Amino acid sequence: MGMIRGLLGMLFGSGRNVVAETAEVFRENAEAAGVRAADHRGAVVTQYAGEFATARTGWFDGLIDGLNRLPRPMMAFGVLGLMAMAMIDPVWFAQRMVGIGLVPEPLWWLMGAIVSFYFGARVHAQGERFQRSIAETMARVPQVVSDIGRLDALRPDTPQVAATRTDARTEVAAIASQANPALEEWRRAA
């Protein structure tokens, strides 16, 4: 009993927990990490609030703030406009995409760097996935053109779209007279 008490006194005595202190060398203390994270978030919010503590009332500040808010909506509306034009006028859209295909690669890298700095590194990381999806979309173009041709053939103004062709039963059923009690009664009354 004395040996166990001596061992426990050595590990946990004098207000220390040698086991916990040793474990913290290999694994972070979750409670201390939570406290550090909360302090960090508080410092970030304080700094952010400090940036907007002074009222900006000058025309120049308003102009710059407005200009800073323009690029993202303009890019978003531009992409939506291109998608709409791809459906409205595919030839116009294809001409623009061919023109984009002629842009030299170094200029694409420069554009990518500018956009990456503006929007962050996320754009750069997803660029490769975006190019792969464009290639997959372009590979589906012949199938889409074929589907559009088949759908155009089904338009009501296409000749013989409603023709029964060799379906004789449907043709006979369409011209066979049906019993109409109201019509029979009208004929008898006349």
N, C-alpha and C. Protein backbone atom coordinates (compact mmCIF):
# COMPACT_ATOMS: atom_id res chain seq x y z
N MET A 1 0.82 -1.18 0.00
CA MET A 1 0.00 0.00 0.00
C MET A 1 0.87 1.24 0.00
N GLY A 2 1.92 1.24 0.71
CA GLY A 2 2.81 2.39 0.81
C GLY A 2 3.51 2.66 -0.52
N MET A 3 3.80 1.56 -1.24
CA MET A 3 4.47 1.73 -2.52
C MET A 3 3.52 2.37 -3.55
N ILE A 4 2.26 1.94 -3.52
CA ILE A 4 1.27 2.50 -4.45
C ILE A 4 1.04 3.97 -4.11
N ARG A 5 0.93 4.25 -2.82
CA ARG A 5 0.72 5.63 -2.40
C ARG A 5 1.92 6.48 -2.78
N GLY A 6 3.09 5.98 -2.66
CA GLY A 6 4.30 6.71 -3.05
C GLY A 6 4.34 6.96 -4.56
N LEU A 7 3.93 5.95 -5.34
CA LEU A 7 3.90 6.09 -6.79
C LEU A 7 2.85 7.12 -7.21
N LEU A 8 1.65 7.05 -6.62
CA LEU A 8 0.60 8.02 -6.93
C LEU A 8 0.99 9.42 -6.47
N GLY A 9 1.66 9.50 -5.33
CA GLY A 9 2.12 10.81 -4.85
C GLY A 9 3.16 11.40 -5.79
N MET A 10 3.98 10.54 -6.38
CA MET A 10 4.99 11.02 -7.31
C MET A 10 4.32 11.53 -8.61
N LEU A 11 3.28 10.81 -9.06
CA LEU A 11 2.61 11.19 -10.32
C LEU A 11 1.66 12.37 -10.14
N PHE A 12 0.92 12.37 -9.05
CA PHE A 12 -0.13 13.39 -8.89
C PHE A 12 0.12 14.33 -7.71
N GLY A 13 1.22 14.20 -7.04
CA GLY A 13 1.46 15.00 -5.85
C GLY A 13 1.82 16.44 -6.17
N SER A 14 1.83 17.24 -5.18
CA SER A 14 2.18 18.67 -5.20
C SER A 14 1.38 19.45 -6.24
N GLY A 15 0.10 19.06 -6.45
CA GLY A 15 -0.80 19.79 -7.34
C GLY A 15 -0.49 19.61 -8.82
N ARG A 16 0.33 18.63 -9.15
CA ARG A 16 0.67 18.40 -10.55
C ARG A 16 0.08 17.08 -11.01
N ASN A 17 -0.15 16.97 -12.30
CA ASN A 17 -0.61 15.74 -12.91
C ASN A 17 0.40 15.40 -14.00
N VAL A 18 1.38 14.58 -13.63
CA VAL A 18 2.48 14.26 -14.54
C VAL A 18 1.96 13.52 -15.77
N VAL A 19 0.94 12.67 -15.60
CA VAL A 19 0.38 11.93 -16.73
C VAL A 19 -0.24 12.90 -17.73
N ALA A 20 -1.05 13.85 -17.25
CA ALA A 20 -1.69 14.83 -18.14
C ALA A 20 -0.64 15.71 -18.80
N GLU A 21 0.38 16.14 -18.04
CA GLU A 21 1.43 16.98 -18.61
C GLU A 21 2.21 16.22 -19.69
N THR A 22 2.45 14.95 -19.47
CA THR A 22 3.16 14.13 -20.46
C THR A 22 2.29 13.92 -21.69
N ALA A 23 1.00 13.68 -21.50
CA ALA A 23 0.10 13.46 -22.64
C ALA A 23 -0.02 14.73 -23.48
N GLU A 24 0.03 15.90 -22.85
CA GLU A 24 -0.09 17.15 -23.59
C GLU A 24 1.11 17.41 -24.48
N VAL A 25 2.21 16.69 -24.26
CA VAL A 25 3.35 16.81 -25.16
C VAL A 25 3.00 16.20 -26.51
N PHE A 26 2.20 15.12 -26.50
CA PHE A 26 1.86 14.40 -27.72
C PHE A 26 0.49 14.78 -28.29
N ARG A 27 -0.38 15.29 -27.45
CA ARG A 27 -1.75 15.62 -27.89
C ARG A 27 -2.14 16.96 -27.28
N GLU A 28 -2.74 17.83 -28.12
CA GLU A 28 -3.12 19.16 -27.66
C GLU A 28 -4.25 19.08 -26.64
N ASN A 29 -4.17 19.93 -25.63
CA ASN A 29 -5.22 20.03 -24.64
C ASN A 29 -6.43 20.69 -25.29
N ALA A 30 -7.54 19.97 -25.36
CA ALA A 30 -8.73 20.45 -26.07
C ALA A 30 -9.30 21.70 -25.41
N GLU A 31 -9.30 21.75 -24.10
CA GLU A 31 -9.84 22.92 -23.41
C GLU A 31 -8.99 24.15 -23.67
N ALA A 32 -7.68 24.00 -23.61
CA ALA A 32 -6.79 25.13 -23.88
C ALA A 32 -6.91 25.57 -25.33
N ALA A 33 -7.08 24.61 -26.25
CA ALA A 33 -7.25 24.96 -27.66
C ALA A 33 -8.54 25.74 -27.88
N GLY A 34 -9.60 25.37 -27.20
CA GLY A 34 -10.85 26.10 -27.30
C GLY A 34 -10.73 27.52 -26.79
N VAL A 35 -10.00 27.70 -25.70
CA VAL A 35 -9.79 29.03 -25.15
C VAL A 35 -8.98 29.89 -26.14
N ARG A 36 -7.91 29.29 -26.72
CA ARG A 36 -7.11 30.03 -27.70
C ARG A 36 -7.94 30.40 -28.92
N ALA A 37 -8.79 29.47 -29.42
CA ALA A 37 -9.63 29.75 -30.58
C ALA A 37 -10.63 30.87 -30.28
N ALA A 38 -11.21 30.84 -29.08
CA ALA A 38 -12.17 31.90 -28.71
C ALA A 38 -11.46 33.25 -28.61
N ASP A 39 -10.26 33.28 -28.05
CA ASP A 39 -9.49 34.53 -27.98
C ASP A 39 -9.17 35.04 -29.38
N HIS A 40 -8.81 34.13 -30.28
CA HIS A 40 -8.48 34.52 -31.65
C HIS A 40 -9.71 35.11 -32.36
N ARG A 41 -10.84 34.45 -32.21
CA ARG A 41 -12.08 34.97 -32.83
C ARG A 41 -12.43 36.34 -32.27
N GLY A 42 -12.27 36.51 -30.98
CA GLY A 42 -12.55 37.81 -30.36
C GLY A 42 -11.63 38.89 -30.90
N ALA A 43 -10.35 38.56 -31.09
CA ALA A 43 -9.40 39.54 -31.62
C ALA A 43 -9.74 39.89 -33.07
N VAL A 44 -10.17 38.90 -33.86
CA VAL A 44 -10.55 39.16 -35.25
C VAL A 44 -11.76 40.07 -35.31
N VAL A 45 -12.76 39.80 -34.49
CA VAL A 45 -13.96 40.64 -34.48
C VAL A 45 -13.63 42.05 -34.02
N THR A 46 -12.77 42.18 -33.03
CA THR A 46 -12.37 43.50 -32.55
C THR A 46 -11.64 44.28 -33.64
N GLN A 47 -10.74 43.61 -34.36
CA GLN A 47 -10.02 44.28 -35.44
C GLN A 47 -10.99 44.68 -36.55
N TYR A 48 -11.89 43.80 -36.91
CA TYR A 48 -12.87 44.09 -37.96
C TYR A 48 -13.76 45.27 -37.56
N ALA A 49 -14.19 45.29 -36.31
CA ALA A 49 -15.02 46.40 -35.84
C ALA A 49 -14.23 47.69 -35.83
N GLY A 50 -12.93 47.63 -35.53
CA GLY A 50 -12.10 48.82 -35.52
C GLY A 50 -11.94 49.43 -36.90
N GLU A 51 -11.97 48.60 -37.95
CA GLU A 51 -11.85 49.13 -39.31
C GLU A 51 -13.05 49.98 -39.69
N PHE A 52 -14.20 49.65 -39.15
CA PHE A 52 -15.42 50.36 -39.51
C PHE A 52 -15.91 51.30 -38.41
N ALA A 53 -15.04 51.56 -37.42
CA ALA A 53 -15.45 52.42 -36.32
C ALA A 53 -15.56 53.88 -36.77
N THR A 54 -14.68 54.29 -37.67
CA THR A 54 -14.74 55.68 -38.13
C THR A 54 -15.75 55.77 -39.27
N ALA A 55 -16.58 56.78 -39.23
CA ALA A 55 -17.60 56.98 -40.26
C ALA A 55 -16.96 57.56 -41.50
N ARG A 56 -17.22 56.93 -42.63
CA ARG A 56 -16.70 57.42 -43.91
C ARG A 56 -17.83 58.17 -44.59
N THR A 57 -17.70 59.45 -44.65
CA THR A 57 -18.79 60.26 -45.21
C THR A 57 -18.37 60.99 -46.47
N GLY A 58 -17.12 60.91 -46.85
CA GLY A 58 -16.66 61.63 -48.03
C GLY A 58 -17.14 60.98 -49.32
N TRP A 59 -17.20 61.78 -50.38
CA TRP A 59 -17.65 61.26 -51.67
C TRP A 59 -16.65 60.25 -52.23
N PHE A 60 -15.35 60.47 -51.95
CA PHE A 60 -14.33 59.56 -52.46
C PHE A 60 -14.45 58.18 -51.81
N ASP A 61 -14.68 58.16 -50.49
CA ASP A 61 -14.85 56.88 -49.79
C ASP A 61 -16.07 56.13 -50.34
N GLY A 62 -17.15 56.85 -50.56
CA GLY A 62 -18.34 56.22 -51.12
C GLY A 62 -18.09 55.68 -52.52
N LEU A 63 -17.34 56.43 -53.33
CA LEU A 63 -17.03 55.98 -54.69
C LEU A 63 -16.18 54.71 -54.66
N ILE A 64 -15.15 54.70 -53.82
CA ILE A 64 -14.27 53.52 -53.74
C ILE A 64 -15.02 52.32 -53.20
N ASP A 65 -15.85 52.51 -52.19
CA ASP A 65 -16.65 51.41 -51.67
C ASP A 65 -17.57 50.85 -52.74
N GLY A 66 -18.18 51.74 -53.52
CA GLY A 66 -19.05 51.28 -54.61
C GLY A 66 -18.28 50.52 -55.68
N LEU A 67 -17.10 51.01 -56.03
CA LEU A 67 -16.28 50.32 -57.04
C LEU A 67 -15.81 48.95 -56.53
N ASN A 68 -15.52 48.86 -55.24
CA ASN A 68 -15.09 47.58 -54.67
C ASN A 68 -16.21 46.54 -54.71
N ARG A 69 -17.45 47.00 -54.75
CA ARG A 69 -18.58 46.07 -54.74
C ARG A 69 -19.00 45.66 -56.14
N LEU A 70 -18.44 46.25 -57.18
CA LEU A 70 -18.88 45.97 -58.54
C LEU A 70 -18.37 44.67 -59.17
N PRO A 71 -17.09 44.28 -59.01
CA PRO A 71 -16.58 43.16 -59.81
C PRO A 71 -17.35 41.85 -59.64
N ARG A 72 -17.66 41.47 -58.43
CA ARG A 72 -18.34 40.19 -58.25
C ARG A 72 -19.71 40.15 -58.89
N PRO A 73 -20.58 41.14 -58.67
CA PRO A 73 -21.88 41.10 -59.35
C PRO A 73 -21.74 41.18 -60.87
N MET A 74 -20.78 41.98 -61.35
CA MET A 74 -20.62 42.08 -62.80
C MET A 74 -20.19 40.73 -63.39
N MET A 75 -19.30 40.03 -62.71
CA MET A 75 -18.88 38.71 -63.20
C MET A 75 -20.04 37.72 -63.14
N ALA A 76 -20.79 37.75 -62.07
CA ALA A 76 -21.91 36.82 -61.93
C ALA A 76 -22.97 37.08 -63.00
N PHE A 77 -23.33 38.35 -63.19
CA PHE A 77 -24.33 38.68 -64.21
C PHE A 77 -23.79 38.40 -65.61
N GLY A 78 -22.50 38.60 -65.81
CA GLY A 78 -21.89 38.29 -67.10
C GLY A 78 -21.99 36.81 -67.43
N VAL A 79 -21.69 35.96 -66.44
CA VAL A 79 -21.78 34.51 -66.66
C VAL A 79 -23.23 34.09 -66.92
N LEU A 80 -24.16 34.65 -66.14
CA LEU A 80 -25.58 34.34 -66.38
C LEU A 80 -26.02 34.81 -67.76
N GLY A 81 -25.53 35.98 -68.19
CA GLY A 81 -25.86 36.48 -69.52
C GLY A 81 -25.30 35.57 -70.61
N LEU A 82 -24.08 35.08 -70.42
CA LEU A 82 -23.50 34.16 -71.40
C LEU A 82 -24.31 32.86 -71.47
N MET A 83 -24.75 32.36 -70.32
CA MET A 83 -25.56 31.13 -70.33
C MET A 83 -26.87 31.37 -71.07
N ALA A 84 -27.48 32.53 -70.85
CA ALA A 84 -28.73 32.84 -71.55
C ALA A 84 -28.48 32.97 -73.04
N MET A 85 -27.40 33.63 -73.44
CA MET A 85 -27.11 33.78 -74.86
C MET A 85 -26.78 32.44 -75.52
N ALA A 86 -26.22 31.51 -74.77
CA ALA A 86 -25.95 30.18 -75.33
C ALA A 86 -27.25 29.49 -75.73
N MET A 87 -28.32 29.77 -75.02
CA MET A 87 -29.62 29.18 -75.38
C MET A 87 -30.35 30.01 -76.41
N ILE A 88 -30.22 31.34 -76.34
CA ILE A 88 -30.96 32.21 -77.26
C ILE A 88 -30.33 32.22 -78.64
N ASP A 89 -29.01 32.41 -78.71
CA ASP A 89 -28.32 32.50 -79.99
C ASP A 89 -27.02 31.69 -79.91
N PRO A 90 -27.10 30.37 -80.15
CA PRO A 90 -25.91 29.52 -80.01
C PRO A 90 -24.76 29.92 -80.94
N VAL A 91 -25.07 30.44 -82.13
CA VAL A 91 -24.00 30.83 -83.05
C VAL A 91 -23.23 32.03 -82.49
N TRP A 92 -23.94 33.03 -81.96
CA TRP A 92 -23.29 34.18 -81.34
C TRP A 92 -22.39 33.71 -80.20
N PHE A 93 -22.93 32.82 -79.36
CA PHE A 93 -22.17 32.30 -78.22
C PHE A 93 -20.94 31.54 -78.70
N ALA A 94 -21.10 30.70 -79.74
CA ALA A 94 -19.97 29.91 -80.25
C ALA A 94 -18.89 30.83 -80.81
N GLN A 95 -19.26 31.93 -81.46
CA GLN A 95 -18.28 32.87 -81.98
C GLN A 95 -17.47 33.47 -80.82
N ARG A 96 -18.12 33.81 -79.73
CA ARG A 96 -17.40 34.38 -78.59
C ARG A 96 -16.47 33.35 -77.95
N MET A 97 -16.93 32.11 -77.87
CA MET A 97 -16.10 31.07 -77.27
C MET A 97 -14.89 30.76 -78.15
N VAL A 98 -15.05 30.82 -79.48
CA VAL A 98 -13.90 30.64 -80.37
C VAL A 98 -12.91 31.77 -80.15
N GLY A 99 -13.42 32.97 -79.99
CA GLY A 99 -12.54 34.11 -79.70
C GLY A 99 -11.79 33.93 -78.39
N ILE A 100 -12.46 33.42 -77.38
CA ILE A 100 -11.79 33.17 -76.10
C ILE A 100 -10.72 32.10 -76.26
N GLY A 101 -10.99 31.13 -77.16
CA GLY A 101 -9.99 30.08 -77.41
C GLY A 101 -8.71 30.61 -78.03
N LEU A 102 -8.75 31.80 -78.64
CA LEU A 102 -7.57 32.39 -79.27
C LEU A 102 -6.72 33.21 -78.30
N VAL A 103 -7.18 33.38 -77.07
CA VAL A 103 -6.40 34.13 -76.08
C VAL A 103 -5.16 33.32 -75.73
N PRO A 104 -3.96 33.93 -75.79
CA PRO A 104 -2.73 33.17 -75.48
C PRO A 104 -2.68 32.75 -74.02
N GLU A 105 -2.00 31.64 -73.81
CA GLU A 105 -1.93 31.05 -72.47
C GLU A 105 -1.33 31.98 -71.42
N PRO A 106 -0.26 32.73 -71.72
CA PRO A 106 0.26 33.65 -70.68
C PRO A 106 -0.77 34.67 -70.22
N LEU A 107 -1.63 35.11 -71.13
CA LEU A 107 -2.67 36.06 -70.73
C LEU A 107 -3.68 35.39 -69.80
N TRP A 108 -3.96 34.10 -70.03
CA TRP A 108 -4.85 33.37 -69.12
C TRP A 108 -4.22 33.27 -67.74
N TRP A 109 -2.90 33.03 -67.70
CA TRP A 109 -2.22 32.95 -66.41
C TRP A 109 -2.29 34.29 -65.68
N LEU A 110 -2.11 35.38 -66.42
CA LEU A 110 -2.19 36.70 -65.81
C LEU A 110 -3.59 36.97 -65.28
N MET A 111 -4.60 36.64 -66.09
CA MET A 111 -5.99 36.81 -65.66
C MET A 111 -6.27 35.96 -64.42
N GLY A 112 -5.77 34.73 -64.44
CA GLY A 112 -5.95 33.84 -63.28
C GLY A 112 -5.32 34.40 -62.02
N ALA A 113 -4.13 35.00 -62.16
CA ALA A 113 -3.47 35.59 -61.00
C ALA A 113 -4.26 36.77 -60.45
N ILE A 114 -4.76 37.61 -61.34
CA ILE A 114 -5.54 38.77 -60.90
C ILE A 114 -6.80 38.32 -60.18
N VAL A 115 -7.51 37.37 -60.79
CA VAL A 115 -8.75 36.89 -60.17
C VAL A 115 -8.44 36.16 -58.87
N SER A 116 -7.34 35.43 -58.83
CA SER A 116 -6.97 34.70 -57.60
C SER A 116 -6.68 35.67 -56.47
N PHE A 117 -5.96 36.74 -56.77
CA PHE A 117 -5.70 37.71 -55.72
C PHE A 117 -6.97 38.40 -55.28
N TYR A 118 -7.89 38.58 -56.22
CA TYR A 118 -9.13 39.29 -55.86
C TYR A 118 -10.05 38.38 -55.06
N PHE A 119 -10.23 37.18 -55.51
CA PHE A 119 -11.19 36.28 -54.86
C PHE A 119 -10.55 35.29 -53.90
N GLY A 120 -9.26 35.16 -53.95
CA GLY A 120 -8.59 34.24 -53.04
C GLY A 120 -8.08 33.01 -53.77
N ALA A 121 -7.37 32.19 -53.07
CA ALA A 121 -6.74 31.01 -53.65
C ALA A 121 -7.74 29.94 -54.06
N ARG A 122 -8.96 30.06 -53.62
CA ARG A 122 -9.98 29.04 -53.95
C ARG A 122 -10.21 28.95 -55.44
N VAL A 123 -10.18 30.07 -56.14
CA VAL A 123 -10.40 30.09 -57.59
C VAL A 123 -9.30 29.28 -58.29
N HIS A 124 -8.07 29.47 -57.84
CA HIS A 124 -6.95 28.76 -58.46
C HIS A 124 -7.05 27.26 -58.24
N ALA A 125 -7.46 26.87 -57.04
CA ALA A 125 -7.57 25.45 -56.74
C ALA A 125 -8.68 24.77 -57.54
N GLN A 126 -9.74 25.52 -57.85
CA GLN A 126 -10.86 24.92 -58.59
C GLN A 126 -10.73 25.12 -60.09
N GLY A 127 -9.72 25.84 -60.55
CA GLY A 127 -9.55 26.10 -61.99
C GLY A 127 -9.39 24.84 -62.81
N GLU A 128 -8.62 23.91 -62.30
CA GLU A 128 -8.40 22.66 -63.04
C GLU A 128 -9.70 21.87 -63.16
N ARG A 129 -10.47 21.81 -62.11
CA ARG A 129 -11.75 21.11 -62.14
C ARG A 129 -12.70 21.80 -63.13
N PHE A 130 -12.64 23.14 -63.18
CA PHE A 130 -13.48 23.89 -64.11
C PHE A 130 -13.11 23.58 -65.56
N GLN A 131 -11.82 23.53 -65.87
CA GLN A 131 -11.39 23.21 -67.23
C GLN A 131 -11.80 21.79 -67.61
N ARG A 132 -11.73 20.86 -66.68
CA ARG A 132 -12.16 19.49 -66.95
C ARG A 132 -13.66 19.44 -67.25
N SER A 133 -14.44 20.23 -66.50
CA SER A 133 -15.88 20.22 -66.75
C SER A 133 -16.21 20.87 -68.09
N ILE A 134 -15.44 21.87 -68.51
CA ILE A 134 -15.65 22.47 -69.83
C ILE A 134 -15.36 21.44 -70.91
N ALA A 135 -14.29 20.68 -70.75
CA ALA A 135 -13.96 19.65 -71.75
C ALA A 135 -15.06 18.60 -71.83
N GLU A 136 -15.59 18.20 -70.67
CA GLU A 136 -16.68 17.22 -70.68
C GLU A 136 -17.92 17.79 -71.35
N THR A 137 -18.21 19.07 -71.10
CA THR A 137 -19.37 19.71 -71.74
C THR A 137 -19.18 19.78 -73.24
N MET A 138 -18.00 20.15 -73.69
CA MET A 138 -17.74 20.24 -75.13
C MET A 138 -17.82 18.86 -75.78
N ALA A 139 -17.48 17.81 -75.06
CA ALA A 139 -17.57 16.46 -75.62
C ALA A 139 -19.02 16.05 -75.82
N ARG A 140 -19.95 16.67 -75.09
CA ARG A 140 -21.37 16.33 -75.23
C ARG A 140 -22.08 17.13 -76.31
N VAL A 141 -21.38 18.08 -76.94
CA VAL A 141 -22.01 18.94 -77.94
C VAL A 141 -22.65 18.14 -79.09
N PRO A 142 -21.97 17.15 -79.70
CA PRO A 142 -22.63 16.41 -80.80
C PRO A 142 -23.93 15.74 -80.35
N GLN A 143 -23.97 15.20 -79.15
CA GLN A 143 -25.19 14.57 -78.66
C GLN A 143 -26.29 15.60 -78.47
N VAL A 144 -25.94 16.79 -77.96
CA VAL A 144 -26.93 17.84 -77.76
C VAL A 144 -27.48 18.30 -79.11
N VAL A 145 -26.61 18.47 -80.10
CA VAL A 145 -27.06 18.88 -81.44
C VAL A 145 -28.01 17.84 -82.01
N SER A 146 -27.69 16.56 -81.82
CA SER A 146 -28.56 15.48 -82.30
C SER A 146 -29.91 15.53 -81.58
N ASP A 147 -29.89 15.75 -80.27
CA ASP A 147 -31.15 15.82 -79.51
C ASP A 147 -32.00 17.00 -79.96
N ILE A 148 -31.35 18.14 -80.21
CA ILE A 148 -32.10 19.31 -80.67
C ILE A 148 -32.73 19.03 -82.02
N GLY A 149 -32.00 18.35 -82.92
CA GLY A 149 -32.56 17.99 -84.22
C GLY A 149 -33.78 17.08 -84.08
N ARG A 150 -33.69 16.11 -83.20
CA ARG A 150 -34.84 15.21 -83.00
C ARG A 150 -36.01 15.95 -82.39
N LEU A 151 -35.74 16.88 -81.46
CA LEU A 151 -36.82 17.67 -80.87
C LEU A 151 -37.46 18.61 -81.89
N ASP A 152 -36.64 19.18 -82.77
CA ASP A 152 -37.18 20.04 -83.83
C ASP A 152 -38.11 19.26 -84.74
N ALA A 153 -37.80 17.99 -84.97
CA ALA A 153 -38.65 17.15 -85.83
C ALA A 153 -40.01 16.90 -85.19
N LEU A 154 -40.15 17.11 -83.89
CA LEU A 154 -41.41 16.88 -83.19
C LEU A 154 -42.27 18.14 -83.08
N ARG A 155 -41.81 19.25 -83.61
CA ARG A 155 -42.61 20.49 -83.55
C ARG A 155 -43.91 20.30 -84.32
N PRO A 156 -44.99 20.94 -83.89
CA PRO A 156 -46.27 20.76 -84.57
C PRO A 156 -46.29 21.30 -85.99
N ASP A 157 -45.40 22.25 -86.31
CA ASP A 157 -45.39 22.78 -87.67
C ASP A 157 -44.51 21.98 -88.61
N THR A 158 -43.88 20.91 -88.12
CA THR A 158 -43.10 20.03 -88.98
C THR A 158 -44.05 19.14 -89.77
N PRO A 159 -43.84 18.99 -91.09
CA PRO A 159 -44.75 18.16 -91.90
C PRO A 159 -44.80 16.72 -91.40
N GLN A 160 -46.01 16.18 -91.35
CA GLN A 160 -46.32 14.79 -91.00
C GLN A 160 -45.87 14.40 -89.60
N VAL A 161 -45.76 15.37 -88.68
CA VAL A 161 -45.36 15.02 -87.33
C VAL A 161 -46.46 14.23 -86.62
N ALA A 162 -47.72 14.46 -87.01
CA ALA A 162 -48.82 13.74 -86.38
C ALA A 162 -49.34 12.62 -87.26
N ALA A 163 -48.60 12.28 -88.33
CA ALA A 163 -49.05 11.21 -89.22
C ALA A 163 -49.05 9.88 -88.50
N THR A 164 -50.08 9.06 -88.75
CA THR A 164 -50.18 7.76 -88.08
C THR A 164 -49.33 6.72 -88.77
N ARG A 165 -48.93 6.97 -90.01
CA ARG A 165 -48.09 6.09 -90.82
C ARG A 165 -48.71 4.69 -90.88
N THR A 166 -48.12 3.70 -90.28
CA THR A 166 -48.60 2.33 -90.46
C THR A 166 -49.51 1.86 -89.33
N ASP A 167 -49.89 2.76 -88.43
CA ASP A 167 -50.75 2.36 -87.32
C ASP A 167 -52.21 2.40 -87.77
N ALA A 168 -52.67 1.32 -88.42
CA ALA A 168 -54.01 1.30 -89.02
C ALA A 168 -55.09 1.33 -87.95
N ARG A 169 -54.88 0.68 -86.83
CA ARG A 169 -55.91 0.65 -85.78
C ARG A 169 -56.22 2.05 -85.27
N THR A 170 -55.20 2.88 -85.09
CA THR A 170 -55.42 4.24 -84.63
C THR A 170 -56.17 5.05 -85.69
N GLU A 171 -55.82 4.81 -86.98
CA GLU A 171 -56.49 5.54 -88.05
C GLU A 171 -57.96 5.16 -88.14
N VAL A 172 -58.27 3.86 -88.04
CA VAL A 172 -59.66 3.40 -88.10
C VAL A 172 -60.44 3.90 -86.89
N ALA A 173 -59.84 3.86 -85.72
CA ALA A 173 -60.51 4.33 -84.51
C ALA A 173 -60.80 5.82 -84.60
N ALA A 174 -59.97 6.57 -85.30
CA ALA A 174 -60.17 8.01 -85.40
C ALA A 174 -61.33 8.36 -86.32
N ILE A 175 -61.59 7.53 -87.35
CA ILE A 175 -62.66 7.87 -88.29
C ILE A 175 -63.95 7.10 -88.02
N ALA A 176 -63.92 6.10 -87.14
CA ALA A 176 -65.13 5.33 -86.84
C ALA A 176 -66.09 6.20 -86.04
N SER A 177 -67.37 6.08 -86.34
CA SER A 177 -68.35 6.89 -85.62
C SER A 177 -68.60 6.29 -84.24
N GLN A 178 -68.79 7.15 -83.31
CA GLN A 178 -69.06 6.74 -81.94
C GLN A 178 -70.53 7.03 -81.62
N ALA A 179 -71.08 6.25 -80.73
CA ALA A 179 -72.47 6.49 -80.31
C ALA A 179 -72.53 7.78 -79.52
N ASN A 180 -73.46 8.70 -79.96
CA ASN A 180 -73.61 9.99 -79.30
C ASN A 180 -75.08 10.17 -78.98
N PRO A 181 -75.53 9.87 -77.74
CA PRO A 181 -76.94 9.92 -77.42
C PRO A 181 -77.55 11.30 -77.63
N ALA A 182 -76.87 12.37 -77.38
CA ALA A 182 -77.42 13.72 -77.56
C ALA A 182 -77.67 13.99 -79.04
N LEU A 183 -76.75 13.55 -79.91
CA LEU A 183 -76.91 13.75 -81.33
C LEU A 183 -78.08 12.92 -81.87
N GLU A 184 -78.22 11.71 -81.39
CA GLU A 184 -79.33 10.84 -81.82
C GLU A 184 -80.65 11.45 -81.41
N GLU A 185 -80.74 11.96 -80.22
CA GLU A 185 -81.98 12.58 -79.74
C GLU A 185 -82.30 13.82 -80.59
N TRP A 186 -81.31 14.61 -80.95
CA TRP A 186 -81.53 15.79 -81.78
C TRP A 186 -82.03 15.41 -83.17
N ARG A 187 -81.47 14.36 -83.72
CA ARG A 187 -81.90 13.88 -85.05
C ARG A 187 -83.36 13.43 -85.00
N ARG A 188 -83.74 12.74 -83.93
CA ARG A 188 -85.14 12.27 -83.83
C ARG A 188 -86.10 13.44 -83.67
N ALA A 189 -85.66 14.48 -82.96
CA ALA A 189 -86.54 15.63 -82.72
C ALA A 189 -86.68 16.49 -83.99
N ALA A 190 -85.75 16.44 -84.87
CA ALA A 190 -85.80 17.30 -86.05
C ALA A 190 -86.71 16.77 -87.14
